[in-house]
PDB file of N, CA and C in Angstrom:
ATOM      1  N   MET A   1     114.745  76.265  67.311  1.00  0.00           N
ATOM      2  CA  MET A   1     113.487  76.028  67.943  1.00  0.00           C
ATOM      3  C   MET A   1     112.316  76.632  67.216  1.00  0.00           C
ATOM      4  N   GLY A   2     111.258  75.961  67.142  1.00  0.00           N
ATOM      5  CA  GLY A   2     110.106  76.462  66.435  1.00  0.00           C
ATOM      6  C   GLY A   2     109.192  77.197  67.342  1.00  0.00           C
ATOM      7  N   PHE A   3     108.151  77.726  66.864  1.00  0.00           N
ATOM      8  CA  PHE A   3     107.154  78.431  67.743  1.00  0.00           C
ATOM      9  C   PHE A   3     106.590  77.451  68.750  1.00  0.00           C
ATOM     10  N   GLY A   4     106.531  77.898  69.969  1.00  0.00           N
ATOM     11  CA  GLY A   4     106.003  77.046  71.025  1.00  0.00           C
ATOM     12  C   GLY A   4     107.019  76.123  71.672  1.00  0.00           C
ATOM     13  N   SER A   5     108.207  76.109  71.191  1.00  0.00           N
ATOM     14  CA  SER A   5     109.280  75.242  71.785  1.00  0.00           C
ATOM     15  C   SER A   5     109.864  75.934  72.995  1.00  0.00           C
ATOM     16  N   TYR A   6     110.422  75.144  73.872  1.00  0.00           N
ATOM     17  CA  TYR A   6     111.078  75.730  74.994  1.00  0.00           C
ATOM     18  C   TYR A   6     112.152  74.811  75.419  1.00  0.00           C
ATOM     19  N   ASP A   7     113.137  75.359  76.155  1.00  0.00           N
ATOM     20  CA  ASP A   7     114.173  74.632  76.718  1.00  0.00           C
ATOM     21  C   ASP A   7     113.753  73.940  78.002  1.00  0.00           C
ATOM     22  N   GLU A   8     113.827  72.640  78.105  1.00  0.00           N
ATOM     23  CA  GLU A   8     113.229  71.928  79.288  1.00  0.00           C
ATOM     24  C   GLU A   8     113.941  72.360  80.573  1.00  0.00           C
ATOM     25  N   SER A   9     115.270  72.707  80.423  1.00  0.00           N
ATOM     26  CA  SER A   9     115.975  73.090  81.657  1.00  0.00           C
ATOM     27  C   SER A   9     115.435  74.458  82.166  1.00  0.00           C
ATOM     28  N   GLU A  10     115.029  75.375  81.263  1.00  0.00           N
ATOM     29  CA  GLU A  10     114.404  76.563  81.749  1.00  0.00           C
ATOM     30  C   GLU A  10     113.078  76.360  82.433  1.00  0.00           C
ATOM     31  N   GLN A  11     112.329  75.397  81.919  1.00  0.00           N
ATOM     32  CA  GLN A  11     110.991  75.088  82.493  1.00  0.00           C
ATOM     33  C   GLN A  11     111.198  74.501  83.948  1.00  0.00           C
ATOM     34  N   GLN A  12     112.212  73.682  84.078  1.00  0.00           N
ATOM     35  CA  GLN A  12     112.499  73.085  85.398  1.00  0.00           C
ATOM     36  C   GLN A  12     112.997  74.149  86.394  1.00  0.00           C
ATOM     37  N   GLN A  13     113.745  75.121  85.892  1.00  0.00           N
ATOM     38  CA  GLN A  13     114.240  76.175  86.755  1.00  0.00           C
ATOM     39  C   GLN A  13     113.035  77.059  87.214  1.00  0.00           C
ATOM     40  N   GLN A  14     112.125  77.378  86.328  1.00  0.00           N
ATOM     41  CA  GLN A  14     110.979  78.189  86.718  1.00  0.00           C
ATOM     42  C   GLN A  14     110.172  77.478  87.801  1.00  0.00           C
ATOM     43  N   THR A  15     109.949  76.146  87.689  1.00  0.00           N
ATOM     44  CA  THR A  15     109.234  75.348  88.646  1.00  0.00           C
ATOM     45  C   THR A  15     109.922  75.429  90.026  1.00  0.00           C
ATOM     46  N   ALA A  16     111.248  75.309  90.032  1.00  0.00           N
ATOM     47  CA  ALA A  16     111.980  75.351  91.277  1.00  0.00           C
ATOM     48  C   ALA A  16     111.846  76.731  91.923  1.00  0.00           C
ATOM     49  N   ASP A  17     111.877  77.844  91.048  1.00  0.00           N
ATOM     50  CA  ASP A  17     111.807  79.131  91.665  1.00  0.00           C
ATOM     51  C   ASP A  17     110.437  79.392  92.264  1.00  0.00           C
ATOM     52  N   GLU A  18     109.370  78.861  91.662  1.00  0.00           N
ATOM     53  CA  GLU A  18     107.976  79.015  92.166  1.00  0.00           C
ATOM     54  C   GLU A  18     107.884  78.434  93.565  1.00  0.00           C
ATOM     55  N   ASP A  19     108.575  77.338  93.836  1.00  0.00           N
ATOM     56  CA  ASP A  19     108.474  76.728  95.114  1.00  0.00           C
ATOM     57  C   ASP A  19     109.014  77.568  96.256  1.00  0.00           C
ATOM     58  N   ASP A  20     109.942  78.467  95.915  1.00  0.00           N
ATOM     59  CA  ASP A  20     110.554  79.283  96.925  1.00  0.00           C
ATOM     60  C   ASP A  20     109.726  80.589  97.228  1.00  0.00           C
ATOM     61  N   VAL A  21     108.712  80.852  96.508  1.00  0.00           N
ATOM     62  CA  VAL A  21     107.869  82.047  96.649  1.00  0.00           C
ATOM     63  C   VAL A  21     106.910  81.835  97.834  1.00  0.00           C
ATOM     64  N   ASP A  22     106.856  82.829  98.692  1.00  0.00           N
ATOM     65  CA  ASP A  22     105.894  82.758  99.816  1.00  0.00           C
ATOM     66  C   ASP A  22     104.494  83.166  99.292  1.00  0.00           C
ATOM     67  N   ALA A  23     103.493  82.543  99.857  1.00  0.00           N
ATOM     68  CA  ALA A  23     102.183  82.859  99.389  1.00  0.00           C
ATOM     69  C   ALA A  23     101.741  84.220  99.980  1.00  0.00           C
ATOM     70  N   VAL A  24     100.861  84.879  99.332  1.00  0.00           N
ATOM     71  CA  VAL A  24     100.367  86.208  99.678  1.00  0.00           C
ATOM     72  C   VAL A  24      99.138  85.985 100.582  1.00  0.00           C
ATOM     73  N   ASN A  25      99.121  86.584 101.749  1.00  0.00           N
ATOM     74  CA  ASN A  25      97.971  86.493 102.595  1.00  0.00           C
ATOM     75  C   ASN A  25      97.183  87.793 102.416  1.00  0.00           C
ATOM     76  N   VAL A  26      96.011  87.715 101.736  1.00  0.00           N
ATOM     77  CA  VAL A  26      95.237  88.918 101.451  1.00  0.00           C
ATOM     78  C   VAL A  26      94.486  89.437 102.692  1.00  0.00           C
ATOM     79  N   HIS A  27      94.442  88.629 103.739  1.00  0.00           N
ATOM     80  CA  HIS A  27      93.730  88.970 104.960  1.00  0.00           C
ATOM     81  C   HIS A  27      94.660  89.498 106.043  1.00  0.00           C
ATOM     82  N   GLN A  28      95.955  89.608 105.720  1.00  0.00           N
ATOM     83  CA  GLN A  28      96.920  90.011 106.686  1.00  0.00           C
ATOM     84  C   GLN A  28      96.623  91.327 107.407  1.00  0.00           C
ATOM     85  N   ASN A  29      96.045  92.275 106.580  1.00  0.00           N
ATOM     86  CA  ASN A  29      95.808  93.602 107.127  1.00  0.00           C
ATOM     87  C   ASN A  29      94.284  93.913 107.215  1.00  0.00           C
ATOM     88  N   ASP A  30      93.442  92.922 107.441  1.00  0.00           N
ATOM     89  CA  ASP A  30      92.001  93.213 107.609  1.00  0.00           C
ATOM     90  C   ASP A  30      91.760  94.108 108.811  1.00  0.00           C
ATOM     91  N   HIS A  31      90.766  94.910 108.723  1.00  0.00           N
ATOM     92  CA  HIS A  31      90.450  95.818 109.799  1.00  0.00           C
ATOM     93  C   HIS A  31      88.921  95.805 110.011  1.00  0.00           C
ATOM     94  N   ASP A  32      88.526  95.597 111.257  1.00  0.00           N
ATOM     95  CA  ASP A  32      87.118  95.512 111.537  1.00  0.00           C
ATOM     96  C   ASP A  32      86.690  96.705 112.328  1.00  0.00           C
ATOM     97  N   GLY A  33      87.355  97.795 112.233  1.00  0.00           N
ATOM     98  CA  GLY A  33      87.045  99.011 113.011  1.00  0.00           C
ATOM     99  C   GLY A  33      85.958  99.806 112.338  1.00  0.00           C
ATOM    100  N   GLN A  34      85.789 101.099 112.820  1.00  0.00           N
ATOM    101  CA  GLN A  34      84.810 101.967 112.227  1.00  0.00           C
ATOM    102  C   GLN A  34      85.498 103.182 111.656  1.00  0.00           C
ATOM    103  N   LEU A  35      84.815 103.829 110.720  1.00  0.00           N
ATOM    104  CA  LEU A  35      85.342 105.038 110.147  1.00  0.00           C
ATOM    105  C   LEU A  35      84.275 106.126 110.292  1.00  0.00           C
ATOM    106  N   SER A  36      84.721 107.349 110.765  1.00  0.00           N
ATOM    107  CA  SER A  36      83.792 108.425 110.829  1.00  0.00           C
ATOM    108  C   SER A  36      84.587 109.706 110.466  1.00  0.00           C
ATOM    109  N   PHE A  37      83.807 110.719 110.013  1.00  0.00           N
ATOM    110  CA  PHE A  37      84.482 112.005 109.723  1.00  0.00           C
ATOM    111  C   PHE A  37      83.454 113.096 109.959  1.00  0.00           C
ATOM    112  N   GLU A  38      83.985 114.304 110.134  1.00  0.00           N
ATOM    113  CA  GLU A  38      83.177 115.422 110.335  1.00  0.00           C
ATOM    114  C   GLU A  38      83.381 116.411 109.159  1.00  0.00           C
ATOM    115  N   SER A  39      82.359 117.088 108.741  1.00  0.00           N
ATOM    116  CA  SER A  39      82.403 118.001 107.605  1.00  0.00           C
ATOM    117  C   SER A  39      81.512 119.188 107.868  1.00  0.00           C
ATOM    118  N   ASP A  40      81.962 120.340 107.499  1.00  0.00           N
ATOM    119  CA  ASP A  40      81.126 121.574 107.548  1.00  0.00           C
ATOM    120  C   ASP A  40      80.193 121.653 106.385  1.00  0.00           C
ATOM    121  N   ALA A  41      80.384 120.830 105.384  1.00  0.00           N
ATOM    122  CA  ALA A  41      79.499 120.893 104.167  1.00  0.00           C
ATOM    123  C   ALA A  41      78.164 120.169 104.455  1.00  0.00           C
ATOM    124  N   SER A  42      77.073 120.685 103.896  1.00  0.00           N
ATOM    125  CA  SER A  42      75.775 120.046 104.083  1.00  0.00           C
ATOM    126  C   SER A  42      75.700 118.856 103.082  1.00  0.00           C
ATOM    127  N   THR A  43      74.683 118.028 103.310  1.00  0.00           N
ATOM    128  CA  THR A  43      74.460 116.880 102.417  1.00  0.00           C
ATOM    129  C   THR A  43      74.230 117.384 100.998  1.00  0.00           C
ATOM    130  N   ASP A  44      73.442 118.451 100.828  1.00  0.00           N
ATOM    131  CA  ASP A  44      73.145 118.973  99.531  1.00  0.00           C
ATOM    132  C   ASP A  44      74.370 119.474  98.832  1.00  0.00           C
ATOM    133  N   GLU A  45      75.320 120.104  99.584  1.00  0.00           N
ATOM    134  CA  GLU A  45      76.532 120.547  98.957  1.00  0.00           C
ATOM    135  C   GLU A  45      77.411 119.380  98.521  1.00  0.00           C
ATOM    136  N   LEU A  46      77.451 118.352  99.335  1.00  0.00           N
ATOM    137  CA  LEU A  46      78.242 117.167  98.985  1.00  0.00           C
ATOM    138  C   LEU A  46      77.670 116.481  97.737  1.00  0.00           C
ATOM    139  N   VAL A  47      76.311 116.349  97.700  1.00  0.00           N
ATOM    140  CA  VAL A  47      75.716 115.754  96.541  1.00  0.00           C
ATOM    141  C   VAL A  47      75.946 116.538  95.310  1.00  0.00           C
ATOM    142  N   SER A  48      75.926 117.772  95.404  1.00  0.00           N
ATOM    143  CA  SER A  48      76.191 118.723  94.275  1.00  0.00           C
ATOM    144  C   SER A  48      77.634 118.548  93.747  1.00  0.00           C
ATOM    145  N   GLN A  49      78.559 118.452  94.698  1.00  0.00           N
ATOM    146  CA  GLN A  49      79.958 118.248  94.342  1.00  0.00           C
ATOM    147  C   GLN A  49      80.110 116.841  93.638  1.00  0.00           C
ATOM    148  N   LEU A  50      79.486 115.836  94.086  1.00  0.00           N
ATOM    149  CA  LEU A  50      79.514 114.554  93.496  1.00  0.00           C
ATOM    150  C   LEU A  50      78.918 114.605  92.068  1.00  0.00           C
ATOM    151  N   GLY A  51      77.820 115.354  91.848  1.00  0.00           N
ATOM    152  CA  GLY A  51      77.260 115.500  90.558  1.00  0.00           C
ATOM    153  C   GLY A  51      78.259 116.149  89.618  1.00  0.00           C
ATOM    154  N   THR A  52      78.970 117.211  90.104  1.00  0.00           N
ATOM    155  CA  THR A  52      79.948 117.952  89.309  1.00  0.00           C
ATOM    156  C   THR A  52      81.081 116.968  88.921  1.00  0.00           C
ATOM    157  N   MET A  53      81.543 116.210  89.870  1.00  0.00           N
ATOM    158  CA  MET A  53      82.685 115.276  89.605  1.00  0.00           C
ATOM    159  C   MET A  53      82.278 114.225  88.565  1.00  0.00           C
ATOM    160  N   ARG A  54      81.023 113.748  88.596  1.00  0.00           N
ATOM    161  CA  ARG A  54      80.576 112.779  87.663  1.00  0.00           C
ATOM    162  C   ARG A  54      80.439 113.376  86.288  1.00  0.00           C
ATOM    163  N   ASP A  55      79.949 114.571  86.193  1.00  0.00           N
ATOM    164  CA  ASP A  55      79.799 115.269  84.944  1.00  0.00           C
ATOM    165  C   ASP A  55      81.188 115.511  84.278  1.00  0.00           C
ATOM    166  N   GLU A  56      82.196 115.883  85.057  1.00  0.00           N
ATOM    167  CA  GLU A  56      83.566 116.039  84.602  1.00  0.00           C
ATOM    168  C   GLU A  56      84.120 114.750  84.147  1.00  0.00           C
ATOM    169  N   SER A  57      83.814 113.690  84.807  1.00  0.00           N
ATOM    170  CA  SER A  57      84.302 112.375  84.448  1.00  0.00           C
ATOM    171  C   SER A  57      83.702 111.926  83.138  1.00  0.00           C
ATOM    172  N   ASP A  58      82.380 112.185  83.000  1.00  0.00           N
ATOM    173  CA  ASP A  58      81.694 111.805  81.714  1.00  0.00           C
ATOM    174  C   ASP A  58      82.208 112.577  80.533  1.00  0.00           C
ATOM    175  N   ASP A  59      82.533 113.852  80.755  1.00  0.00           N
ATOM    176  CA  ASP A  59      83.114 114.714  79.706  1.00  0.00           C
ATOM    177  C   ASP A  59      84.498 114.233  79.331  1.00  0.00           C
ATOM    178  N   ALA A  60      85.247 113.708  80.307  1.00  0.00           N
ATOM    179  CA  ALA A  60      86.653 113.301  79.963  1.00  0.00           C
ATOM    180  C   ALA A  60      86.604 111.965  79.210  1.00  0.00           C
ATOM    181  N   ASP A  61      85.555 111.161  79.354  1.00  0.00           N
ATOM    182  CA  ASP A  61      85.443 109.878  78.708  1.00  0.00           C
ATOM    183  C   ASP A  61      85.114 110.058  77.212  1.00  0.00           C
ATOM    184  N   GLU A  62      84.495 111.167  76.824  1.00  0.00           N
ATOM    185  CA  GLU A  62      84.036 111.284  75.537  1.00  0.00           C
ATOM    186  C   GLU A  62      85.140 111.705  74.550  1.00  0.00           C
TER     187      GLU A  62
END
C-alpha cells in the first residue's frame, strides 16, 4: 500500500463503530444557581495577591 492508501474493510468498520457512540450532551450539568463566599481579606489584599500571582506567571513564561 502506498501513502494515503487504506483497507476499505477498516474504513467500513470505523463507520460502524461511530454509529454506536452516544452523543455528548454538554448541557447535561448546567447550573443556574448563585455562588458566594466570605473572606477575611480586604479587596486591596486580594488585588495585591493577584498582582503577585501575575508577576510570578510572567516570570515563569520568560
